[in-house]
N, C-alpha and C. Protein backbone atom coordinates (compact mmCIF):
# COMPACT_ATOMS: atom_id res chain seq x y z
N MET A 1 -5.32 18.51 96.09
CA MET A 1 -6.57 17.92 95.57
C MET A 1 -7.17 17.08 96.56
N SER A 2 -8.30 17.43 97.02
CA SER A 2 -8.90 16.62 98.22
C SER A 2 -9.66 15.39 97.62
N GLU A 3 -10.04 15.28 96.35
CA GLU A 3 -10.71 14.13 95.84
C GLU A 3 -9.74 13.08 95.35
N THR A 4 -10.26 11.94 95.65
CA THR A 4 -9.35 10.63 95.15
C THR A 4 -9.67 10.37 93.59
N ILE A 5 -8.77 10.27 92.81
CA ILE A 5 -8.79 9.97 91.42
C ILE A 5 -8.73 8.41 91.14
N LYS A 6 -9.84 7.98 90.80
CA LYS A 6 -9.86 6.37 90.58
C LYS A 6 -9.31 6.00 89.21
N VAL A 7 -8.31 5.24 89.32
CA VAL A 7 -7.48 4.69 88.03
C VAL A 7 -7.67 3.31 87.69
N LEU A 8 -7.93 2.95 86.47
CA LEU A 8 -8.02 1.61 85.96
C LEU A 8 -6.73 1.38 84.97
N LEU A 9 -6.05 0.36 85.15
CA LEU A 9 -4.93 0.05 84.36
C LEU A 9 -5.30 -1.17 83.33
N ILE A 10 -5.11 -1.05 82.08
CA ILE A 10 -5.40 -2.04 81.14
C ILE A 10 -4.22 -2.26 80.31
N ASP A 11 -3.44 -3.37 80.50
CA ASP A 11 -2.28 -3.65 79.81
C ASP A 11 -1.85 -5.12 79.92
N ASP A 12 -1.65 -5.84 78.78
CA ASP A 12 -1.41 -7.21 78.73
C ASP A 12 -0.09 -7.69 79.26
N HIS A 13 0.79 -6.73 79.68
CA HIS A 13 2.00 -7.19 80.32
C HIS A 13 1.90 -7.02 81.80
N GLU A 14 2.15 -8.03 82.52
CA GLU A 14 1.85 -7.98 83.97
C GLU A 14 2.88 -7.17 84.73
N MET A 15 4.19 -7.30 83.99
CA MET A 15 5.29 -6.49 84.79
C MET A 15 4.89 -4.97 84.70
N VAL A 16 4.42 -4.49 83.49
CA VAL A 16 4.13 -3.16 83.32
C VAL A 16 3.00 -2.70 84.35
N ARG A 17 2.04 -3.66 84.53
CA ARG A 17 0.93 -3.22 85.54
C ARG A 17 1.53 -3.20 86.94
N MET A 18 2.35 -4.10 87.28
CA MET A 18 2.92 -4.21 88.56
C MET A 18 3.74 -2.99 88.83
N GLY A 19 4.60 -2.49 87.85
CA GLY A 19 5.41 -1.23 88.18
C GLY A 19 4.65 0.01 88.17
N LEU A 20 3.41 0.18 87.47
CA LEU A 20 2.56 1.23 87.60
C LEU A 20 1.85 1.26 88.90
N VAL A 21 1.47 0.03 89.35
CA VAL A 21 0.66 -0.25 90.59
C VAL A 21 1.66 0.21 91.77
N ALA A 22 2.94 -0.07 91.76
CA ALA A 22 3.94 0.07 92.63
C ALA A 22 4.17 1.52 92.99
N PHE A 23 4.20 2.20 91.75
CA PHE A 23 4.40 3.79 91.89
C PHE A 23 3.18 4.43 92.15
N LEU A 24 2.12 4.21 91.42
CA LEU A 24 1.04 5.20 91.67
C LEU A 24 0.33 4.89 92.93
N SER A 25 0.44 3.65 93.58
CA SER A 25 -0.20 3.52 94.80
C SER A 25 0.44 4.41 95.93
N THR A 26 1.64 5.03 95.67
CA THR A 26 2.29 5.80 96.73
C THR A 26 1.88 7.26 96.53
N GLU A 27 0.95 7.52 95.52
CA GLU A 27 0.31 8.97 95.30
C GLU A 27 -0.78 9.14 96.16
N ASP A 28 -0.90 10.20 96.94
CA ASP A 28 -2.06 10.38 97.84
C ASP A 28 -3.39 10.42 97.12
N GLU A 29 -3.37 11.25 95.92
CA GLU A 29 -4.63 11.44 95.29
C GLU A 29 -5.18 10.34 94.39
N ILE A 30 -4.23 9.44 94.12
CA ILE A 30 -4.57 8.30 93.10
C ILE A 30 -4.94 7.00 93.81
N GLU A 31 -6.01 6.29 93.34
CA GLU A 31 -6.51 5.16 93.86
C GLU A 31 -6.55 4.15 92.64
N ILE A 32 -5.92 3.03 92.73
CA ILE A 32 -6.05 2.04 91.60
C ILE A 32 -7.17 1.18 92.00
N VAL A 33 -8.28 1.32 91.17
CA VAL A 33 -9.50 0.65 91.49
C VAL A 33 -9.62 -0.73 90.65
N GLY A 34 -8.65 -1.08 89.78
CA GLY A 34 -8.45 -2.27 89.02
C GLY A 34 -7.48 -2.40 88.08
N GLU A 35 -7.02 -3.52 87.69
CA GLU A 35 -6.06 -3.68 86.68
C GLU A 35 -6.56 -4.91 85.74
N ALA A 36 -6.37 -4.74 84.44
CA ALA A 36 -6.71 -5.68 83.58
C ALA A 36 -5.72 -6.21 82.42
N GLY A 37 -5.71 -7.50 82.07
CA GLY A 37 -4.70 -7.87 81.14
C GLY A 37 -5.37 -7.96 79.81
N SER A 38 -6.45 -7.52 79.52
CA SER A 38 -7.02 -7.42 78.25
C SER A 38 -8.10 -6.43 78.13
N GLY A 39 -8.51 -6.16 76.87
CA GLY A 39 -9.40 -4.95 76.68
C GLY A 39 -10.81 -5.41 77.16
N ALA A 40 -11.12 -6.69 76.88
CA ALA A 40 -12.56 -7.20 77.39
C ALA A 40 -12.68 -7.20 78.81
N GLU A 41 -11.64 -7.58 79.67
CA GLU A 41 -11.66 -7.64 81.03
C GLU A 41 -11.59 -6.15 81.58
N GLY A 42 -10.90 -5.26 80.96
CA GLY A 42 -11.00 -3.98 81.21
C GLY A 42 -12.46 -3.28 81.22
N LEU A 43 -13.11 -3.54 80.09
CA LEU A 43 -14.27 -3.10 79.92
C LEU A 43 -15.23 -3.52 81.12
N LYS A 44 -15.14 -4.78 81.41
CA LYS A 44 -16.04 -5.28 82.50
C LYS A 44 -15.74 -4.59 83.92
N ILE A 45 -14.41 -4.36 84.17
CA ILE A 45 -14.00 -3.76 85.38
C ILE A 45 -14.51 -2.20 85.42
N ALA A 46 -14.37 -1.60 84.20
CA ALA A 46 -14.78 -0.25 84.21
C ALA A 46 -16.22 0.04 84.45
N GLU A 47 -17.09 -1.14 83.95
CA GLU A 47 -18.44 -0.98 84.19
C GLU A 47 -18.71 -1.09 85.72
N GLN A 48 -17.95 -1.73 86.42
CA GLN A 48 -18.17 -1.87 87.84
C GLN A 48 -17.64 -0.84 88.69
N THR A 49 -16.39 -0.28 88.35
CA THR A 49 -15.86 0.64 89.03
C THR A 49 -15.86 1.99 88.75
N LYS A 50 -16.28 2.34 87.50
CA LYS A 50 -16.42 3.69 87.01
C LYS A 50 -15.32 4.71 87.23
N PRO A 51 -14.10 4.16 86.70
CA PRO A 51 -12.73 4.94 87.06
C PRO A 51 -12.86 6.35 86.35
N ASP A 52 -12.08 7.25 86.77
CA ASP A 52 -11.96 8.55 86.44
C ASP A 52 -11.05 8.55 85.22
N VAL A 53 -10.04 7.74 85.28
CA VAL A 53 -8.97 7.79 84.29
C VAL A 53 -8.55 6.32 84.17
N ILE A 54 -8.32 5.94 82.80
CA ILE A 54 -8.00 4.56 82.38
C ILE A 54 -6.64 4.76 81.70
N LEU A 55 -5.67 3.96 82.24
CA LEU A 55 -4.41 3.96 81.48
C LEU A 55 -4.49 2.80 80.56
N MET A 56 -4.24 2.98 79.31
CA MET A 56 -4.70 1.99 78.30
C MET A 56 -3.35 1.68 77.40
N ASP A 57 -3.06 0.43 77.36
CA ASP A 57 -1.96 0.02 76.45
C ASP A 57 -2.74 0.00 74.89
N LEU A 58 -1.96 0.02 73.91
CA LEU A 58 -2.46 -0.01 72.67
C LEU A 58 -2.50 -1.44 71.89
N VAL A 59 -1.31 -2.13 72.05
CA VAL A 59 -1.23 -3.27 71.34
C VAL A 59 -1.34 -4.50 72.42
N MET A 60 -2.58 -5.14 72.20
CA MET A 60 -2.89 -6.21 73.29
C MET A 60 -3.58 -7.31 72.26
N GLU A 61 -3.45 -8.57 72.84
CA GLU A 61 -3.98 -9.70 72.18
C GLU A 61 -5.44 -9.55 72.30
N GLY A 62 -6.13 -9.96 71.13
CA GLY A 62 -7.70 -10.02 71.19
C GLY A 62 -8.11 -8.57 70.73
N MET A 63 -8.93 -7.86 71.73
CA MET A 63 -9.26 -6.56 71.52
C MET A 63 -8.12 -5.56 71.77
N ASP A 64 -7.83 -4.89 70.76
CA ASP A 64 -6.75 -3.86 70.85
C ASP A 64 -7.14 -2.67 71.61
N GLY A 65 -6.25 -1.71 71.84
CA GLY A 65 -6.42 -0.56 72.59
C GLY A 65 -7.25 0.45 71.98
N ILE A 66 -7.27 0.44 70.51
CA ILE A 66 -8.18 1.25 69.89
C ILE A 66 -9.59 0.96 69.98
N GLU A 67 -9.88 -0.41 69.78
CA GLU A 67 -11.41 -0.81 69.93
C GLU A 67 -11.77 -0.78 71.43
N THR A 68 -10.77 -1.05 72.18
CA THR A 68 -11.25 -0.85 73.82
C THR A 68 -11.62 0.58 74.09
N THR A 69 -10.80 1.43 73.51
CA THR A 69 -11.12 2.78 73.78
C THR A 69 -12.40 3.25 73.26
N ARG A 70 -12.69 2.79 72.09
CA ARG A 70 -13.95 3.13 71.48
C ARG A 70 -15.09 2.59 72.28
N ARG A 71 -15.07 1.42 72.66
CA ARG A 71 -16.06 0.79 73.47
C ARG A 71 -16.17 1.36 74.84
N MET A 72 -14.87 1.71 75.38
CA MET A 72 -14.86 2.44 76.86
C MET A 72 -15.79 3.78 76.82
N ARG A 73 -15.45 4.52 75.55
CA ARG A 73 -16.27 5.70 75.49
C ARG A 73 -17.82 5.51 75.43
N MET A 74 -18.26 4.48 74.92
CA MET A 74 -19.57 4.18 74.82
C MET A 74 -20.14 3.74 76.12
N ILE A 75 -19.50 2.91 76.91
CA ILE A 75 -20.07 2.46 77.99
C ILE A 75 -19.68 3.39 79.43
N HIS A 76 -18.68 3.99 79.28
CA HIS A 76 -18.30 5.03 80.53
C HIS A 76 -17.65 6.18 79.87
N PRO A 77 -18.49 7.15 79.18
CA PRO A 77 -18.00 8.40 78.53
C PRO A 77 -17.36 9.29 79.54
N GLU A 78 -17.55 9.30 80.80
CA GLU A 78 -16.89 10.19 81.83
C GLU A 78 -15.56 9.92 81.94
N GLY A 79 -15.09 8.63 81.77
CA GLY A 79 -13.64 8.09 81.95
C GLY A 79 -12.80 8.69 80.95
N LYS A 80 -11.60 9.17 81.39
CA LYS A 80 -10.59 9.76 80.46
C LYS A 80 -9.59 8.75 80.11
N VAL A 81 -9.34 8.32 78.90
CA VAL A 81 -8.56 7.30 78.50
C VAL A 81 -7.18 8.00 78.14
N ILE A 82 -6.03 7.36 78.86
CA ILE A 82 -4.76 7.88 78.59
C ILE A 82 -4.04 6.73 78.00
N VAL A 83 -3.73 6.83 76.70
CA VAL A 83 -2.95 5.77 76.18
C VAL A 83 -1.46 5.84 76.58
N LEU A 84 -1.08 4.61 76.90
CA LEU A 84 0.37 4.53 77.37
C LEU A 84 0.92 3.42 76.58
N THR A 85 1.85 3.65 75.62
CA THR A 85 2.16 2.71 74.66
C THR A 85 3.60 2.92 74.24
N SER A 86 4.21 1.99 73.45
CA SER A 86 5.55 2.12 72.96
C SER A 86 5.51 2.51 71.42
N PHE A 87 4.21 2.66 70.75
CA PHE A 87 4.12 2.86 69.50
C PHE A 87 3.64 4.20 69.14
N ILE A 88 4.27 4.83 68.12
CA ILE A 88 3.95 6.13 67.80
C ILE A 88 3.58 6.33 66.19
N ASP A 89 3.27 5.15 65.49
CA ASP A 89 3.06 5.24 64.08
C ASP A 89 1.61 5.72 63.88
N ASP A 90 1.48 6.37 62.51
CA ASP A 90 0.33 6.99 62.15
C ASP A 90 -1.06 6.07 62.38
N GLU A 91 -0.78 4.86 61.91
CA GLU A 91 -2.02 3.84 61.94
C GLU A 91 -2.43 3.66 63.38
N LYS A 92 -1.63 4.07 64.30
CA LYS A 92 -2.20 3.82 65.71
C LYS A 92 -2.65 5.12 66.31
N VAL A 93 -1.80 6.11 66.11
CA VAL A 93 -2.15 7.50 66.76
C VAL A 93 -3.33 8.10 66.37
N TYR A 94 -3.63 8.13 65.05
CA TYR A 94 -4.89 8.78 64.49
C TYR A 94 -6.19 8.01 64.98
N PRO A 95 -6.21 6.71 64.73
CA PRO A 95 -7.33 5.96 65.17
C PRO A 95 -7.70 5.96 66.46
N VAL A 96 -6.87 6.06 67.40
CA VAL A 96 -7.12 5.90 68.83
C VAL A 96 -7.56 7.23 69.26
N ILE A 97 -6.97 8.43 68.70
CA ILE A 97 -7.48 9.71 69.05
C ILE A 97 -8.88 9.89 68.74
N GLU A 98 -9.24 9.50 67.44
CA GLU A 98 -10.50 9.49 66.93
C GLU A 98 -11.54 8.61 67.78
N ALA A 99 -10.84 7.56 68.16
CA ALA A 99 -11.96 6.63 69.09
C ALA A 99 -12.16 7.19 70.34
N GLY A 100 -11.39 8.24 70.78
CA GLY A 100 -11.83 8.96 72.09
C GLY A 100 -10.72 9.04 73.01
N ALA A 101 -9.54 8.84 72.83
CA ALA A 101 -8.46 8.75 73.68
C ALA A 101 -8.13 10.29 74.06
N PHE A 102 -7.99 10.57 75.44
CA PHE A 102 -7.83 11.88 75.90
C PHE A 102 -6.41 12.39 75.78
N SER A 103 -5.58 11.49 76.29
CA SER A 103 -4.08 11.82 76.31
C SER A 103 -3.31 10.72 75.75
N TYR A 104 -2.06 10.97 75.34
CA TYR A 104 -1.14 9.90 74.53
C TYR A 104 0.25 10.06 75.07
N LEU A 105 0.63 8.95 75.83
CA LEU A 105 2.05 9.09 76.22
C LEU A 105 2.73 7.65 76.02
N LEU A 106 4.07 7.93 75.74
CA LEU A 106 4.75 6.72 75.54
C LEU A 106 5.32 6.13 76.87
N LYS A 107 5.74 4.69 76.78
CA LYS A 107 6.22 3.99 77.93
C LYS A 107 7.47 4.44 78.32
N THR A 108 8.14 5.27 77.72
CA THR A 108 9.44 5.78 78.06
C THR A 108 9.12 7.06 79.12
N THR A 109 7.91 7.55 79.23
CA THR A 109 7.64 8.52 80.09
C THR A 109 7.92 8.13 81.56
N ARG A 110 8.54 9.12 82.18
CA ARG A 110 8.86 8.85 83.65
C ARG A 110 7.59 8.80 84.65
N ALA A 111 7.59 7.89 85.61
CA ALA A 111 6.53 7.71 86.39
C ALA A 111 5.83 8.93 86.95
N PRO A 112 6.72 9.84 87.50
CA PRO A 112 6.11 11.16 88.09
C PRO A 112 5.28 11.95 87.02
N GLU A 113 5.80 11.82 85.65
CA GLU A 113 5.00 12.42 84.68
C GLU A 113 3.73 11.78 84.31
N ILE A 114 3.81 10.47 84.45
CA ILE A 114 2.47 9.68 84.17
C ILE A 114 1.48 10.00 85.22
N ALA A 115 1.95 10.25 86.49
CA ALA A 115 1.11 10.54 87.50
C ALA A 115 0.47 11.98 87.32
N GLN A 116 1.39 12.87 86.82
CA GLN A 116 0.90 14.17 86.66
C GLN A 116 0.03 14.27 85.56
N ALA A 117 0.05 13.39 84.38
CA ALA A 117 -0.87 13.26 83.44
C ALA A 117 -2.16 12.73 83.78
N ILE A 118 -2.18 11.93 84.78
CA ILE A 118 -3.41 11.29 85.50
C ILE A 118 -4.12 12.64 86.06
N ARG A 119 -3.50 13.40 86.78
CA ARG A 119 -4.09 14.45 87.51
C ARG A 119 -4.42 15.50 86.49
N GLN A 120 -3.93 15.70 85.43
CA GLN A 120 -4.31 16.82 84.41
C GLN A 120 -5.54 16.13 83.60
N ALA A 121 -5.56 14.80 83.39
CA ALA A 121 -6.70 14.26 82.72
C ALA A 121 -8.00 14.45 83.57
N TYR A 122 -7.73 14.16 84.87
CA TYR A 122 -8.86 14.32 85.98
C TYR A 122 -9.57 15.64 85.83
N ARG A 123 -8.64 16.78 85.70
CA ARG A 123 -8.94 18.17 85.62
C ARG A 123 -9.46 18.49 84.28
N GLY A 124 -9.44 17.67 83.20
CA GLY A 124 -9.82 17.99 81.94
C GLY A 124 -8.74 18.50 81.05
N GLN A 125 -7.62 18.39 81.26
CA GLN A 125 -6.25 18.82 80.48
C GLN A 125 -5.60 17.66 79.89
N PRO A 126 -5.75 17.66 78.60
CA PRO A 126 -5.11 16.55 77.94
C PRO A 126 -3.51 16.59 77.88
N VAL A 127 -2.78 15.68 77.80
CA VAL A 127 -1.45 15.61 77.69
C VAL A 127 -0.90 14.85 76.44
N LEU A 128 -0.29 15.37 75.55
CA LEU A 128 0.16 14.47 74.25
C LEU A 128 1.51 14.65 74.30
N GLU A 129 2.22 13.42 74.06
CA GLU A 129 3.71 13.20 73.78
C GLU A 129 3.95 14.20 72.64
N ALA A 130 5.15 14.84 72.75
CA ALA A 130 5.54 15.92 71.67
C ALA A 130 5.27 15.39 70.26
N GLN A 131 5.92 14.23 69.87
CA GLN A 131 5.74 13.77 68.63
C GLN A 131 4.33 13.57 68.16
N VAL A 132 3.47 13.04 69.12
CA VAL A 132 2.09 12.82 68.77
C VAL A 132 1.26 14.40 68.48
N ALA A 133 1.66 15.19 69.37
CA ALA A 133 1.01 16.57 69.27
C ALA A 133 1.40 17.01 67.89
N GLY A 134 2.69 16.81 67.44
CA GLY A 134 3.10 17.27 66.10
C GLY A 134 2.39 16.69 64.95
N LYS A 135 2.19 15.42 65.08
CA LYS A 135 1.41 14.48 64.08
C LYS A 135 0.01 15.18 63.98
N ILE A 136 -0.72 15.43 65.17
CA ILE A 136 -2.03 15.75 65.05
C ILE A 136 -2.18 17.15 64.60
N MET A 137 -1.28 18.10 64.80
CA MET A 137 -1.25 19.40 64.26
C MET A 137 -1.02 19.34 62.78
N SER A 138 -0.06 18.43 62.29
CA SER A 138 0.06 18.36 60.84
C SER A 138 -1.30 17.92 60.24
N ARG A 139 -1.88 16.88 60.65
CA ARG A 139 -3.07 16.32 60.37
C ARG A 139 -4.16 17.35 60.18
N PHE A 140 -4.32 18.16 61.26
CA PHE A 140 -5.22 19.34 61.34
C PHE A 140 -4.99 20.21 60.28
N ARG A 141 -3.77 20.63 60.10
CA ARG A 141 -3.36 21.69 59.02
C ARG A 141 -3.79 21.09 57.58
N GLN A 142 -3.48 19.83 57.34
CA GLN A 142 -3.76 19.09 56.22
C GLN A 142 -5.38 19.20 55.83
N LYS A 143 -5.98 18.75 57.04
CA LYS A 143 -7.61 18.89 56.74
C LYS A 143 -8.15 20.21 56.54
N SER A 144 -7.57 21.18 57.16
CA SER A 144 -8.01 22.41 57.00
C SER A 144 -7.82 23.07 55.63
N THR A 145 -6.82 22.49 54.90
CA THR A 145 -6.78 22.97 53.52
C THR A 145 -7.55 22.17 52.50
N GLU A 146 -8.09 21.10 52.96
CA GLU A 146 -8.85 20.26 52.03
C GLU A 146 -10.17 20.95 51.80
N THR A 147 -10.65 20.75 50.47
CA THR A 147 -12.12 21.21 50.04
C THR A 147 -13.04 20.49 50.74
N VAL A 148 -14.03 21.18 51.34
CA VAL A 148 -15.27 20.48 51.84
C VAL A 148 -16.23 20.34 50.72
N PRO A 149 -16.56 18.90 50.54
CA PRO A 149 -17.31 18.57 49.32
C PRO A 149 -18.49 19.51 48.89
N HIS A 150 -19.34 19.97 49.81
CA HIS A 150 -20.30 20.82 49.26
C HIS A 150 -19.88 22.31 48.83
N GLU A 151 -18.71 22.45 49.05
CA GLU A 151 -18.20 23.81 48.65
C GLU A 151 -18.09 23.85 47.02
N GLN A 152 -17.97 22.55 46.53
CA GLN A 152 -18.07 22.51 44.99
C GLN A 152 -19.42 22.68 44.39
N CYS A 153 -20.52 22.92 45.26
CA CYS A 153 -21.75 22.95 44.63
C CYS A 153 -22.01 24.48 44.48
N THR A 154 -22.86 24.63 43.31
CA THR A 154 -23.40 25.99 43.07
C THR A 154 -24.25 26.39 43.97
N ASN A 155 -24.72 27.62 44.03
CA ASN A 155 -25.67 28.31 44.78
C ASN A 155 -27.02 27.53 44.76
N ARG A 156 -27.44 27.37 43.56
CA ARG A 156 -28.58 26.59 43.17
C ARG A 156 -28.77 25.27 43.68
N GLU A 157 -27.58 24.64 43.51
CA GLU A 157 -27.35 23.21 44.09
C GLU A 157 -27.53 23.02 45.56
N LEU A 158 -26.93 24.06 46.28
CA LEU A 158 -27.04 24.22 47.70
C LEU A 158 -28.55 24.30 48.22
N GLU A 159 -29.28 25.10 47.24
CA GLU A 159 -30.67 25.38 47.82
C GLU A 159 -31.46 24.09 47.43
N VAL A 160 -31.08 23.27 46.42
CA VAL A 160 -31.74 22.01 46.20
C VAL A 160 -31.35 21.04 47.46
N LEU A 161 -30.08 21.13 47.63
CA LEU A 161 -29.61 20.22 48.96
C LEU A 161 -30.27 20.55 50.08
N ARG A 162 -30.41 21.86 50.32
CA ARG A 162 -31.21 22.11 51.64
C ARG A 162 -32.63 21.58 51.70
N LEU A 163 -33.24 21.64 50.47
CA LEU A 163 -34.68 21.08 50.38
C LEU A 163 -34.60 19.53 50.49
N VAL A 164 -33.66 19.00 49.87
CA VAL A 164 -33.48 17.47 49.91
C VAL A 164 -33.38 17.02 51.41
N GLY A 165 -32.76 17.86 52.18
CA GLY A 165 -32.40 17.73 53.68
C GLY A 165 -33.66 17.85 54.44
N GLU A 166 -34.58 18.64 53.86
CA GLU A 166 -35.96 18.96 54.46
C GLU A 166 -36.87 17.80 54.13
N GLY A 167 -36.41 16.92 53.39
CA GLY A 167 -37.32 15.81 52.93
C GLY A 167 -38.20 16.19 51.81
N ARG A 168 -38.02 17.20 50.97
CA ARG A 168 -38.88 17.49 49.92
C ARG A 168 -38.73 16.57 48.69
N SER A 169 -39.77 16.30 47.95
CA SER A 169 -39.71 15.53 46.80
C SER A 169 -39.15 16.43 45.65
N ASN A 170 -38.93 15.73 44.46
CA ASN A 170 -38.36 16.46 43.34
C ASN A 170 -39.53 17.56 42.99
N GLN A 171 -40.77 17.14 42.98
CA GLN A 171 -41.78 18.00 42.44
C GLN A 171 -42.00 19.35 43.49
N GLU A 172 -41.86 19.05 44.70
CA GLU A 172 -41.87 20.00 45.61
C GLU A 172 -40.68 21.05 45.62
N ILE A 173 -39.53 20.35 45.32
CA ILE A 173 -38.41 21.28 45.13
C ILE A 173 -38.61 22.28 43.87
N ALA A 174 -39.18 21.56 42.75
CA ALA A 174 -39.49 22.22 41.46
C ALA A 174 -40.45 23.44 41.76
N ASP A 175 -41.46 23.21 42.65
CA ASP A 175 -42.45 24.09 42.69
C ASP A 175 -41.89 25.34 43.67
N GLU A 176 -41.07 24.95 44.51
CA GLU A 176 -40.48 26.02 45.47
C GLU A 176 -39.58 27.00 44.80
N LEU A 177 -38.75 26.36 43.87
CA LEU A 177 -37.64 27.22 43.26
C LEU A 177 -38.11 27.60 41.94
N TYR A 178 -39.28 27.26 41.40
CA TYR A 178 -39.90 27.60 40.18
C TYR A 178 -38.90 27.25 39.05
N ILE A 179 -38.47 25.97 39.08
CA ILE A 179 -37.82 25.29 37.83
C ILE A 179 -38.45 24.07 37.53
N GLY A 180 -38.09 23.35 36.53
CA GLY A 180 -38.58 22.24 35.90
C GLY A 180 -38.14 21.07 36.70
N ILE A 181 -38.88 20.06 36.63
CA ILE A 181 -38.48 18.82 37.44
C ILE A 181 -37.36 18.19 36.95
N LYS A 182 -37.10 18.15 35.71
CA LYS A 182 -36.01 17.61 34.96
C LYS A 182 -34.82 18.31 35.46
N THR A 183 -34.80 19.69 35.58
CA THR A 183 -33.72 20.52 36.15
C THR A 183 -33.52 19.98 37.63
N VAL A 184 -34.42 19.68 38.41
CA VAL A 184 -34.26 19.44 39.80
C VAL A 184 -33.39 17.94 39.79
N LYS A 185 -33.92 17.15 38.80
CA LYS A 185 -33.22 15.76 38.89
C LYS A 185 -31.68 16.03 38.35
N THR A 186 -31.42 16.94 37.54
CA THR A 186 -30.16 17.18 37.05
C THR A 186 -29.30 17.72 38.25
N HIS A 187 -29.90 18.64 39.02
CA HIS A 187 -29.27 19.19 40.14
C HIS A 187 -28.91 18.09 41.29
N VAL A 188 -29.82 17.30 41.54
CA VAL A 188 -29.59 16.19 42.55
C VAL A 188 -28.61 15.34 42.06
N SER A 189 -28.53 14.86 40.84
CA SER A 189 -27.64 13.86 40.26
C SER A 189 -26.14 14.69 40.48
N ASN A 190 -25.94 15.92 40.15
CA ASN A 190 -24.79 16.65 40.29
C ASN A 190 -24.34 16.75 41.75
N ILE A 191 -25.36 16.89 42.69
CA ILE A 191 -24.98 16.94 44.24
C ILE A 191 -24.56 15.73 44.63
N LEU A 192 -25.24 14.62 44.14
CA LEU A 192 -24.65 13.27 44.80
C LEU A 192 -23.36 13.03 44.23
N SER A 193 -23.03 13.40 43.07
CA SER A 193 -21.72 13.16 42.64
C SER A 193 -20.63 13.96 43.28
N LYS A 194 -20.96 15.33 43.58
CA LYS A 194 -20.04 16.14 44.20
C LYS A 194 -19.90 15.84 45.48
N LEU A 195 -20.73 15.24 46.46
CA LEU A 195 -20.71 15.03 47.65
C LEU A 195 -20.18 13.58 47.94
N GLY A 196 -20.12 12.79 46.88
CA GLY A 196 -19.62 11.36 46.81
C GLY A 196 -20.65 10.52 47.65
N VAL A 197 -21.86 10.74 47.71
CA VAL A 197 -22.91 9.82 48.29
C VAL A 197 -23.63 9.17 47.29
N GLU A 198 -24.45 8.10 47.74
CA GLU A 198 -25.03 7.31 46.78
C GLU A 198 -26.50 7.63 46.43
N ASP A 199 -27.26 8.19 47.40
CA ASP A 199 -28.64 8.44 47.18
C ASP A 199 -28.98 9.84 48.00
N ARG A 200 -30.33 10.05 47.89
CA ARG A 200 -30.81 11.19 48.66
C ARG A 200 -30.83 11.12 49.99
N THR A 201 -31.02 10.12 50.64
CA THR A 201 -30.96 9.77 52.11
C THR A 201 -29.56 10.18 52.66
N GLN A 202 -28.56 9.73 51.95
CA GLN A 202 -27.15 10.04 52.44
C GLN A 202 -26.89 11.60 52.35
N ALA A 203 -27.65 12.19 51.17
CA ALA A 203 -27.39 13.73 50.85
C ALA A 203 -28.07 14.43 52.00
N ALA A 204 -29.21 13.85 52.45
CA ALA A 204 -29.89 14.54 53.44
C ALA A 204 -29.20 14.63 54.79
N ILE A 205 -28.57 13.44 55.13
CA ILE A 205 -27.81 13.27 56.37
C ILE A 205 -26.59 14.36 56.19
N TYR A 206 -25.99 14.41 55.10
CA TYR A 206 -24.85 15.26 54.91
C TYR A 206 -25.30 16.79 55.24
N ALA A 207 -26.46 16.99 54.52
CA ALA A 207 -26.91 18.40 54.73
C ALA A 207 -27.22 18.81 56.13
N HIS A 208 -27.65 17.93 56.88
CA HIS A 208 -27.93 18.14 58.32
C HIS A 208 -26.67 18.13 59.15
N ARG A 209 -25.71 17.36 58.98
CA ARG A 209 -24.36 17.14 59.59
C ARG A 209 -23.74 18.58 59.26
N HIS A 210 -23.71 19.04 58.11
CA HIS A 210 -23.01 20.34 57.71
C HIS A 210 -23.68 21.50 58.00
N GLY A 211 -24.88 21.54 58.50
CA GLY A 211 -25.59 22.77 58.89
C GLY A 211 -26.32 23.47 57.67
N ILE A 212 -26.31 22.74 56.52
CA ILE A 212 -27.05 23.26 55.29
C ILE A 212 -28.58 23.42 55.60
N CYS A 213 -29.10 22.60 56.28
CA CYS A 213 -30.44 22.65 56.76
C CYS A 213 -30.60 23.38 58.06
N LYS A 214 -31.26 24.52 58.15
CA LYS A 214 -31.21 25.43 59.38
C LYS A 214 -32.39 24.71 60.17
């Protein structure tokens, strides 16, 4: 690979950073453009250096790796975040993946494998520690079997939901569907209940997000 991969290290343990710098600095394609001992410091450095890959610890004082990853994706969406942590519990794995982490490795990973994960992230190929991959697949299978809220709606309620999403009033919906306005109100009430939302605005947002409004 002819291009240099710019890497930022964010970990509140100096010895961990020193070890990573010592090894990664020997890799021809990899350039360490910065290292930070906190999430806040890492975000500042990222704004200045625009790294291709960010090696991110999860458990840090102050801003943790989950929040840092979320903010990193906002200020520098091109950067690929590789989580490098000792933790594999659900309350850390799922939130940081949802926050935008690209890869997930344990600190027991051998240094050459970390370097390879950096190269793969740069190429757009995520790497997940085997246990993490298993957790994510399990969660995906669980979600795939869950009922989508609007699937509980009748065809008529879906028609009403589509019109709500288009910003129609109850009277306009009644006129369009040739039903009484009281019937429209009943449909809307049922829709809000089935979707688990509080008002028409939230229902309209739901309709757009799920492609009910074409």
